[in-house]
């Protein structure tokens, strides 16, 4: 299935939406709050809002905020309307359809890796944020502890996609434990250092850089080993599976 078709249809099947609402979004928001001591206020943009599950969780915990969502998926925006003041279909490689200095906060979760024009992405965040406004970005880490090991033995890092049709290309022996070969559109995978450089170029102050785990399913026994190691390395952002970046517009 083509990636654009996946984001207009399959990703928004009822069973997938329900799983994210029950298991993913509540835990994800708790993670961000605990790691960064976040307190949302004012106008908030969920950049890459998907089905609005994260917006729903934010609204439930911070009742005074006004939530807005943008996403490339029409179906995602339709679903997210339940939880946002407004949603707009928008490509984050291009101009965000809001005026300058409009938002107090931007949250962009697992979106950066899908962006081709990452310069425009950071530039637009700076434009639509008020001075002193803040942004939280989460994205996979190209130099996660196990990605470094995979490169040594000639296996493509698992976050990278070499094909738009088959996610398993280049994964070698890992193909045996891959549950789904559907690509999700990863284009640019960042490192902690690269994120810090982009923040500096686009006039953001780095408030915090944190690591987080990413859940993979392994056979029993191996699962416990992976979970333990991934937790330990999540304490060191440069080696963690996931990066959490907290920025402030200067």
C-alpha atoms as a PDB file:
ATOM      1  CA  UNK A   1       0.000   0.000   0.000  1.00  0.00           C
ATOM      2  CA  UNK A   2       1.283   3.456  -0.882  1.00  0.00           C
ATOM      3  CA  UNK A   3       2.209   5.628   2.092  1.00  0.00           C
ATOM      4  CA  UNK A   4      -0.252   8.426   1.285  1.00  0.00           C
ATOM      5  CA  UNK A   5      -3.056   5.865   1.041  1.00  0.00           C
ATOM      6  CA  UNK A   6      -2.022   4.405   4.402  1.00  0.00           C
ATOM      7  CA  UNK A   7      -2.388   7.803   6.088  1.00  0.00           C
ATOM      8  CA  UNK A   8      -5.781   8.439   4.537  1.00  0.00           C
ATOM      9  CA  UNK A   9      -7.257   5.008   5.292  1.00  0.00           C
ATOM     10  CA  UNK A  10      -5.514   2.160   7.138  1.00  0.00           C
ATOM     11  CA  UNK A  11      -4.006   4.260   9.927  1.00  0.00           C
ATOM     12  CA  UNK A  12      -7.497   5.391  10.895  1.00  0.00           C
ATOM     13  CA  UNK A  13      -9.206   2.038  11.095  1.00  0.00           C
ATOM     14  CA  UNK A  14     -11.337   1.852  14.252  1.00  0.00           C
ATOM     15  CA  UNK A  15      -9.264  -0.826  15.958  1.00  0.00           C
ATOM     16  CA  UNK A  16      -6.049   1.173  15.499  1.00  0.00           C
ATOM     17  CA  UNK A  17      -7.644   4.380  16.774  1.00  0.00           C
ATOM     18  CA  UNK A  18      -9.032   2.611  19.826  1.00  0.00           C
ATOM     19  CA  UNK A  19      -5.676   1.031  20.657  1.00  0.00           C
ATOM     20  CA  UNK A  20      -3.911   4.404  20.504  1.00  0.00           C
ATOM     21  CA  UNK A  21      -6.572   6.039  22.678  1.00  0.00           C
ATOM     22  CA  UNK A  22      -6.444   3.274  25.285  1.00  0.00           C
ATOM     23  CA  UNK A  23      -2.739   2.491  25.391  1.00  0.00           C
ATOM     24  CA  UNK A  24      -0.641   5.094  23.584  1.00  0.00           C
ATOM     25  CA  UNK A  25      -1.815   8.682  24.050  1.00  0.00           C
ATOM     26  CA  UNK A  26      -2.410   8.641  27.839  1.00  0.00           C
ATOM     27  CA  UNK A  27       1.023   7.125  28.449  1.00  0.00           C
ATOM     28  CA  UNK A  28       2.660   9.473  25.964  1.00  0.00           C
ATOM     29  CA  UNK A  29       1.301  12.633  27.563  1.00  0.00           C
ATOM     30  CA  UNK A  30       2.244  11.360  31.023  1.00  0.00           C
ATOM     31  CA  UNK A  31       5.762  10.738  29.720  1.00  0.00           C
ATOM     32  CA  UNK A  32       6.075  14.293  28.381  1.00  0.00           C
ATOM     33  CA  UNK A  33       4.711  15.836  31.571  1.00  0.00           C
ATOM     34  CA  UNK A  34       6.990  13.761  33.794  1.00  0.00           C
ATOM     35  CA  UNK A  35      10.122  14.221  31.696  1.00  0.00           C
ATOM     36  CA  UNK A  36       9.698  17.970  31.182  1.00  0.00           C
ATOM     37  CA  UNK A  37       7.308  19.102  33.931  1.00  0.00           C
ATOM     38  CA  UNK A  38       5.053  20.504  31.202  1.00  0.00           C
ATOM     39  CA  UNK A  39       2.209  22.892  31.922  1.00  0.00           C
ATOM     40  CA  UNK A  40       0.178  23.673  28.814  1.00  0.00           C
ATOM     41  CA  UNK A  41      -1.581  27.018  28.505  1.00  0.00           C
ATOM     42  CA  UNK A  42      -3.072  29.348  25.892  1.00  0.00           C
ATOM     43  CA  UNK A  43      -3.307  28.438  22.214  1.00  0.00           C
ATOM     44  CA  UNK A  44      -1.755  25.055  21.488  1.00  0.00           C
ATOM     45  CA  UNK A  45      -0.982  23.631  18.054  1.00  0.00           C
ATOM     46  CA  UNK A  46      -0.786  19.876  17.647  1.00  0.00           C
ATOM     47  CA  UNK A  47       1.391  19.741  14.526  1.00  0.00           C
ATOM     48  CA  UNK A  48       0.685  16.348  13.012  1.00  0.00           C
ATOM     49  CA  UNK A  49      -2.414  15.818  15.132  1.00  0.00           C
ATOM     50  CA  UNK A  50      -3.490  12.514  13.579  1.00  0.00           C
ATOM     51  CA  UNK A  51      -6.810  11.372  15.033  1.00  0.00           C
ATOM     52  CA  UNK A  52      -6.650  13.932  17.853  1.00  0.00           C
ATOM     53  CA  UNK A  53      -5.911  11.437  20.606  1.00  0.00           C
ATOM     54  CA  UNK A  54      -3.129  13.515  22.148  1.00  0.00           C
ATOM     55  CA  UNK A  55      -5.252  16.670  21.912  1.00  0.00           C
ATOM     56  CA  UNK A  56      -7.992  14.842  23.789  1.00  0.00           C
ATOM     57  CA  UNK A  57      -5.606  13.946  26.609  1.00  0.00           C
ATOM     58  CA  UNK A  58      -4.222  17.495  26.822  1.00  0.00           C
ATOM     59  CA  UNK A  59      -7.728  18.991  26.951  1.00  0.00           C
ATOM     60  CA  UNK A  60      -8.721  16.587  29.728  1.00  0.00           C
ATOM     61  CA  UNK A  61      -5.780  17.611  31.916  1.00  0.00           C
ATOM     62  CA  UNK A  62      -5.542  21.317  31.031  1.00  0.00           C
ATOM     63  CA  UNK A  63      -9.106  22.569  30.721  1.00  0.00           C
ATOM     64  CA  UNK A  64      -8.327  26.229  29.909  1.00  0.00           C
ATOM     65  CA  UNK A  65      -6.296  25.611  26.752  1.00  0.00           C
ATOM     66  CA  UNK A  66      -7.454  26.105  23.163  1.00  0.00           C
ATOM     67  CA  UNK A  67      -6.303  23.274  20.932  1.00  0.00           C
ATOM     68  CA  UNK A  68      -5.715  23.492  17.186  1.00  0.00           C
ATOM     69  CA  UNK A  69      -4.615  20.673  14.911  1.00  0.00           C
ATOM     70  CA  UNK A  70      -2.955  20.382  11.521  1.00  0.00           C
ATOM     71  CA  UNK A  71      -2.272  17.145   9.671  1.00  0.00           C
ATOM     72  CA  UNK A  72      -1.702  15.969   6.114  1.00  0.00           C
ATOM     73  CA  UNK A  73      -4.544  13.456   6.488  1.00  0.00           C
ATOM     74  CA  UNK A  74      -8.106  14.639   5.851  1.00  0.00           C
ATOM     75  CA  UNK A  75      -9.458  11.696   7.806  1.00  0.00           C
ATOM     76  CA  UNK A  76      -7.174  12.485  10.719  1.00  0.00           C
ATOM     77  CA  UNK A  77      -8.323  16.114  10.782  1.00  0.00           C
ATOM     78  CA  UNK A  78     -11.960  15.039  10.629  1.00  0.00           C
ATOM     79  CA  UNK A  79     -11.521  12.812  13.662  1.00  0.00           C
ATOM     80  CA  UNK A  80      -9.449  15.362  15.581  1.00  0.00           C
ATOM     81  CA  UNK A  81     -12.178  18.014  15.232  1.00  0.00           C
ATOM     82  CA  UNK A  82     -13.921  16.428  18.220  1.00  0.00           C
ATOM     83  CA  UNK A  83     -11.160  17.647  20.508  1.00  0.00           C
ATOM     84  CA  UNK A  84      -9.866  20.824  18.841  1.00  0.00           C
ATOM     85  CA  UNK A  85     -11.225  24.329  18.343  1.00  0.00           C
ATOM     86  CA  UNK A  86     -10.174  23.932  14.728  1.00  0.00           C
ATOM     87  CA  UNK A  87      -8.307  21.499  12.496  1.00  0.00           C
ATOM     88  CA  UNK A  88      -6.786  22.161   9.087  1.00  0.00           C
ATOM     89  CA  UNK A  89      -5.367  19.865   6.450  1.00  0.00           C
ATOM     90  CA  UNK A  90      -1.789  21.026   5.958  1.00  0.00           C
ATOM     91  CA  UNK A  91       1.578  19.767   4.758  1.00  0.00           C
ATOM     92  CA  UNK A  92       4.239  20.599   7.359  1.00  0.00           C
ATOM     93  CA  UNK A  93       6.807  20.793   4.551  1.00  0.00           C
ATOM     94  CA  UNK A  94       5.048  24.019   3.608  1.00  0.00           C
ATOM     95  CA  UNK A  95       3.510  27.060   5.289  1.00  0.00           C
ATOM     96  CA  UNK A  96       1.434  26.407   8.407  1.00  0.00           C
ATOM     97  CA  UNK A  97      -1.983  28.030   7.760  1.00  0.00           C
ATOM     98  CA  UNK A  98      -1.917  30.355  10.789  1.00  0.00           C
ATOM     99  CA  UNK A  99      -0.644  33.924  11.293  1.00  0.00           C
ATOM    100  CA  UNK A 100       2.618  34.990  12.915  1.00  0.00           C
ATOM    101  CA  UNK A 101       2.921  34.815  16.718  1.00  0.00           C
ATOM    102  CA  UNK A 102      -0.361  32.930  17.133  1.00  0.00           C
ATOM    103  CA  UNK A 103       0.491  30.005  19.408  1.00  0.00           C
ATOM    104  CA  UNK A 104       1.790  29.721  22.948  1.00  0.00           C
ATOM    105  CA  UNK A 105       2.779  26.092  22.552  1.00  0.00           C
ATOM    106  CA  UNK A 106       3.405  23.552  19.794  1.00  0.00           C
ATOM    107  CA  UNK A 107       3.557  19.812  20.286  1.00  0.00           C
ATOM    108  CA  UNK A 108       4.776  17.682  17.380  1.00  0.00           C
ATOM    109  CA  UNK A 109       4.947  14.015  18.251  1.00  0.00           C
ATOM    110  CA  UNK A 110       6.702  11.532  15.950  1.00  0.00           C
ATOM    111  CA  UNK A 111       6.385  13.854  12.944  1.00  0.00           C
ATOM    112  CA  UNK A 112       9.865  15.245  12.257  1.00  0.00           C
ATOM    113  CA  UNK A 113      11.067  11.954  10.768  1.00  0.00           C
ATOM    114  CA  UNK A 114       8.321  12.223   8.110  1.00  0.00           C
ATOM    115  CA  UNK A 115       9.360  15.704   6.948  1.00  0.00           C
ATOM    116  CA  UNK A 116      11.443  16.293   3.811  1.00  0.00           C
ATOM    117  CA  UNK A 117      11.954  20.058   4.237  1.00  0.00           C
ATOM    118  CA  UNK A 118      12.990  20.074   7.887  1.00  0.00           C
ATOM    119  CA  UNK A 119      14.292  23.632   7.586  1.00  0.00           C
ATOM    120  CA  UNK A 120      10.814  24.841   6.675  1.00  0.00           C
ATOM    121  CA  UNK A 121       9.388  22.822   9.565  1.00  0.00           C
ATOM    122  CA  UNK A 122      11.534  24.612  12.165  1.00  0.00           C
ATOM    123  CA  UNK A 123      11.204  27.961  10.405  1.00  0.00           C
ATOM    124  CA  UNK A 124       7.406  27.768  10.439  1.00  0.00           C
ATOM    125  CA  UNK A 125       7.309  26.729  14.086  1.00  0.00           C
ATOM    126  CA  UNK A 126       9.322  29.825  14.905  1.00  0.00           C
ATOM    127  CA  UNK A 127       7.011  32.019  12.834  1.00  0.00           C
ATOM    128  CA  UNK A 128       3.694  30.922  14.345  1.00  0.00           C
ATOM    129  CA  UNK A 129       4.966  30.825  17.945  1.00  0.00           C
ATOM    130  CA  UNK A 130       4.770  33.868  20.175  1.00  0.00           C
ATOM    131  CA  UNK A 131       8.031  35.146  21.639  1.00  0.00           C
ATOM    132  CA  UNK A 132       8.775  32.911  24.602  1.00  0.00           C
ATOM    133  CA  UNK A 133       6.462  30.264  23.154  1.00  0.00           C
ATOM    134  CA  UNK A 134       7.516  26.667  23.547  1.00  0.00           C
ATOM    135  CA  UNK A 135       7.628  23.554  21.413  1.00  0.00           C
ATOM    136  CA  UNK A 136       8.003  19.872  22.240  1.00  0.00           C
ATOM    137  CA  UNK A 137       9.211  17.531  19.507  1.00  0.00           C
ATOM    138  CA  UNK A 138       9.598  13.766  19.793  1.00  0.00           C
ATOM    139  CA  UNK A 139      11.366  11.708  17.154  1.00  0.00           C
ATOM    140  CA  UNK A 140      13.336   8.442  16.810  1.00  0.00           C
ATOM    141  CA  UNK A 141      17.084   8.608  17.395  1.00  0.00           C
ATOM    142  CA  UNK A 142      19.250   7.462  14.486  1.00  0.00           C
ATOM    143  CA  UNK A 143      22.067   6.717  16.944  1.00  0.00           C
ATOM    144  CA  UNK A 144      20.052   4.705  19.454  1.00  0.00           C
ATOM    145  CA  UNK A 145      22.143   2.060  21.211  1.00  0.00           C
ATOM    146  CA  UNK A 146      20.946  -0.851  19.061  1.00  0.00           C
ATOM    147  CA  UNK A 147      21.068   1.142  15.812  1.00  0.00           C
ATOM    148  CA  UNK A 148      24.807   1.573  16.353  1.00  0.00           C
ATOM    149  CA  UNK A 149      25.171  -2.196  16.708  1.00  0.00           C
ATOM    150  CA  UNK A 150      23.054  -2.913  13.634  1.00  0.00           C
ATOM    151  CA  UNK A 151      25.200  -0.650  11.453  1.00  0.00           C
ATOM    152  CA  UNK A 152      28.326  -2.537  12.518  1.00  0.00           C
ATOM    153  CA  UNK A 153      26.879  -5.824  11.189  1.00  0.00           C
ATOM    154  CA  UNK A 154      25.552  -4.241   7.994  1.00  0.00           C
ATOM    155  CA  UNK A 155      21.856  -3.966   8.873  1.00  0.00           C
ATOM    156  CA  UNK A 156      19.933  -0.792   8.061  1.00  0.00           C
ATOM    157  CA  UNK A 157      18.822   1.115  11.204  1.00  0.00           C
ATOM    158  CA  UNK A 158      15.261   0.057  11.949  1.00  0.00           C
ATOM    159  CA  UNK A 159      13.921   3.621  11.878  1.00  0.00           C
ATOM    160  CA  UNK A 160      15.112   4.110   8.284  1.00  0.00           C
ATOM    161  CA  UNK A 161      13.009   3.055   5.299  1.00  0.00           C
ATOM    162  CA  UNK A 162      14.812   2.179   2.086  1.00  0.00           C
ATOM    163  CA  UNK A 163      11.603   1.432   0.171  1.00  0.00           C
ATOM    164  CA  UNK A 164       8.210   3.094  -0.083  1.00  0.00           C
ATOM    165  CA  UNK A 165       6.629  -0.335  -0.616  1.00  0.00           C
ATOM    166  CA  UNK A 166       8.403  -2.704   1.787  1.00  0.00           C
ATOM    167  CA  UNK A 167       9.698  -1.657   5.194  1.00  0.00           C
ATOM    168  CA  UNK A 168      11.799  -4.827   5.551  1.00  0.00           C
ATOM    169  CA  UNK A 169      14.345  -3.853   2.873  1.00  0.00           C
ATOM    170  CA  UNK A 170      17.843  -3.986   4.362  1.00  0.00           C
ATOM    171  CA  UNK A 171      16.805  -5.452   7.723  1.00  0.00           C
ATOM    172  CA  UNK A 172      18.491  -8.823   7.216  1.00  0.00           C
ATOM    173  CA  UNK A 173      17.759 -11.343   9.985  1.00  0.00           C
ATOM    174  CA  UNK A 174      15.380  -8.865  11.653  1.00  0.00           C
ATOM    175  CA  UNK A 175      12.842  -9.646   8.932  1.00  0.00           C
ATOM    176  CA  UNK A 176      11.978 -12.794  10.888  1.00  0.00           C
ATOM    177  CA  UNK A 177      10.538 -10.797  13.788  1.00  0.00           C
ATOM    178  CA  UNK A 178       9.035  -7.936  11.779  1.00  0.00           C
ATOM    179  CA  UNK A 179       5.260  -8.023  12.227  1.00  0.00           C
ATOM    180  CA  UNK A 180       4.365  -5.509   9.527  1.00  0.00           C
ATOM    181  CA  UNK A 181       6.180  -4.538   6.322  1.00  0.00           C
ATOM    182  CA  UNK A 182       4.029  -1.448   5.649  1.00  0.00           C
ATOM    183  CA  UNK A 183       6.265   1.655   5.398  1.00  0.00           C
ATOM    184  CA  UNK A 184       5.126   4.680   7.402  1.00  0.00           C
ATOM    185  CA  UNK A 185       7.066   7.336   5.506  1.00  0.00           C
ATOM    186  CA  UNK A 186      10.256   7.937   7.469  1.00  0.00           C
ATOM    187  CA  UNK A 187      12.438  10.335   5.482  1.00  0.00           C
ATOM    188  CA  UNK A 188      14.931  12.040   7.807  1.00  0.00           C
ATOM    189  CA  UNK A 189      16.055  10.426  11.048  1.00  0.00           C
ATOM    190  CA  UNK A 190      17.750  12.836  13.438  1.00  0.00           C
ATOM    191  CA  UNK A 191      20.387  12.517  16.134  1.00  0.00           C
ATOM    192  CA  UNK A 192      20.499  14.532  19.349  1.00  0.00           C
ATOM    193  CA  UNK A 193      23.315  16.690  17.978  1.00  0.00           C
ATOM    194  CA  UNK A 194      21.469  17.387  14.720  1.00  0.00           C
ATOM    195  CA  UNK A 195      18.349  18.489  16.619  1.00  0.00           C
ATOM    196  CA  UNK A 196      20.412  20.873  18.749  1.00  0.00           C
ATOM    197  CA  UNK A 197      22.006  22.353  15.637  1.00  0.00           C
ATOM    198  CA  UNK A 198      18.620  22.938  13.970  1.00  0.00           C
ATOM    199  CA  UNK A 199      17.273  24.588  17.113  1.00  0.00           C
ATOM    200  CA  UNK A 200      20.202  26.996  17.149  1.00  0.00           C
ATOM    201  CA  UNK A 201      19.861  27.870  13.454  1.00  0.00           C
ATOM    202  CA  UNK A 202      16.177  28.744  13.848  1.00  0.00           C
ATOM    203  CA  UNK A 203      16.502  30.878  16.972  1.00  0.00           C
ATOM    204  CA  UNK A 204      15.296  28.433  19.597  1.00  0.00           C
ATOM    205  CA  UNK A 205      16.712  28.047  23.068  1.00  0.00           C
ATOM    206  CA  UNK A 206      17.162  24.435  24.148  1.00  0.00           C
ATOM    207  CA  UNK A 207      15.340  23.965  27.450  1.00  0.00           C
ATOM    208  CA  UNK A 208      15.736  20.211  27.723  1.00  0.00           C
ATOM    209  CA  UNK A 209      16.840  17.124  25.819  1.00  0.00           C
ATOM    210  CA  UNK A 210      15.554  13.829  27.161  1.00  0.00           C
ATOM    211  CA  UNK A 211      15.560  10.196  26.098  1.00  0.00           C
ATOM    212  CA  UNK A 212      12.669   7.745  26.040  1.00  0.00           C
ATOM    213  CA  UNK A 213      12.060   4.106  25.207  1.00  0.00           C
ATOM    214  CA  UNK A 214      10.387   2.671  22.120  1.00  0.00           C
ATOM    215  CA  UNK A 215       8.367  -0.514  22.406  1.00  0.00           C
ATOM    216  CA  UNK A 216       9.337  -3.408  20.149  1.00  0.00           C
ATOM    217  CA  UNK A 217       7.842  -6.884  20.346  1.00  0.00           C
ATOM    218  CA  UNK A 218      10.299  -9.746  20.753  1.00  0.00           C
ATOM    219  CA  UNK A 219       9.988 -13.437  21.656  1.00  0.00           C
ATOM    220  CA  UNK A 220       9.664 -14.156  25.414  1.00  0.00           C
ATOM    221  CA  UNK A 221      12.990 -13.912  27.208  1.00  0.00           C
ATOM    222  CA  UNK A 222      14.485 -11.572  24.643  1.00  0.00           C
ATOM    223  CA  UNK A 223      11.681  -9.098  25.386  1.00  0.00           C
ATOM    224  CA  UNK A 224      12.769  -8.643  29.001  1.00  0.00           C
ATOM    225  CA  UNK A 225      16.397  -8.129  27.994  1.00  0.00           C
ATOM    226  CA  UNK A 226      15.477  -5.519  25.385  1.00  0.00           C
ATOM    227  CA  UNK A 227      13.107  -3.657  27.725  1.00  0.00           C
ATOM    228  CA  UNK A 228      15.743  -3.447  30.457  1.00  0.00           C
ATOM    229  CA  UNK A 229      18.510  -2.256  28.136  1.00  0.00           C
ATOM    230  CA  UNK A 230      16.241   0.230  26.401  1.00  0.00           C
ATOM    231  CA  UNK A 231      15.219   1.717  29.741  1.00  0.00           C
ATOM    232  CA  UNK A 232      18.839   2.039  30.878  1.00  0.00           C
ATOM    233  CA  UNK A 233      19.908   3.728  27.640  1.00  0.00           C
ATOM    234  CA  UNK A 234      16.858   6.020  27.716  1.00  0.00           C
ATOM    235  CA  UNK A 235      18.577   7.764  30.627  1.00  0.00           C
ATOM    236  CA  UNK A 236      21.295   8.888  28.189  1.00  0.00           C
ATOM    237  CA  UNK A 237      19.602  10.839  25.342  1.00  0.00           C
ATOM    238  CA  UNK A 238      22.450  10.353  22.868  1.00  0.00           C
ATOM    239  CA  UNK A 239      21.920   6.572  23.091  1.00  0.00           C
ATOM    240  CA  UNK A 240      18.151   6.455  23.696  1.00  0.00           C
ATOM    241  CA  UNK A 241      15.602   5.037  21.258  1.00  0.00           C
ATOM    242  CA  UNK A 242      13.467   8.165  21.268  1.00  0.00           C
ATOM    243  CA  UNK A 243      14.398  11.831  21.613  1.00  0.00           C
ATOM    244  CA  UNK A 244      12.290  14.433  23.419  1.00  0.00           C
ATOM    245  CA  UNK A 245      13.277  18.012  22.632  1.00  0.00           C
ATOM    246  CA  UNK A 246      11.905  21.008  24.542  1.00  0.00           C
ATOM    247  CA  UNK A 247      12.540  24.402  22.941  1.00  0.00           C
ATOM    248  CA  UNK A 248      11.670  28.045  23.551  1.00  0.00           C
ATOM    249  CA  UNK A 249      11.459  30.787  20.933  1.00  0.00           C
ATOM    250  CA  UNK A 250      13.963  33.523  21.721  1.00  0.00           C
END
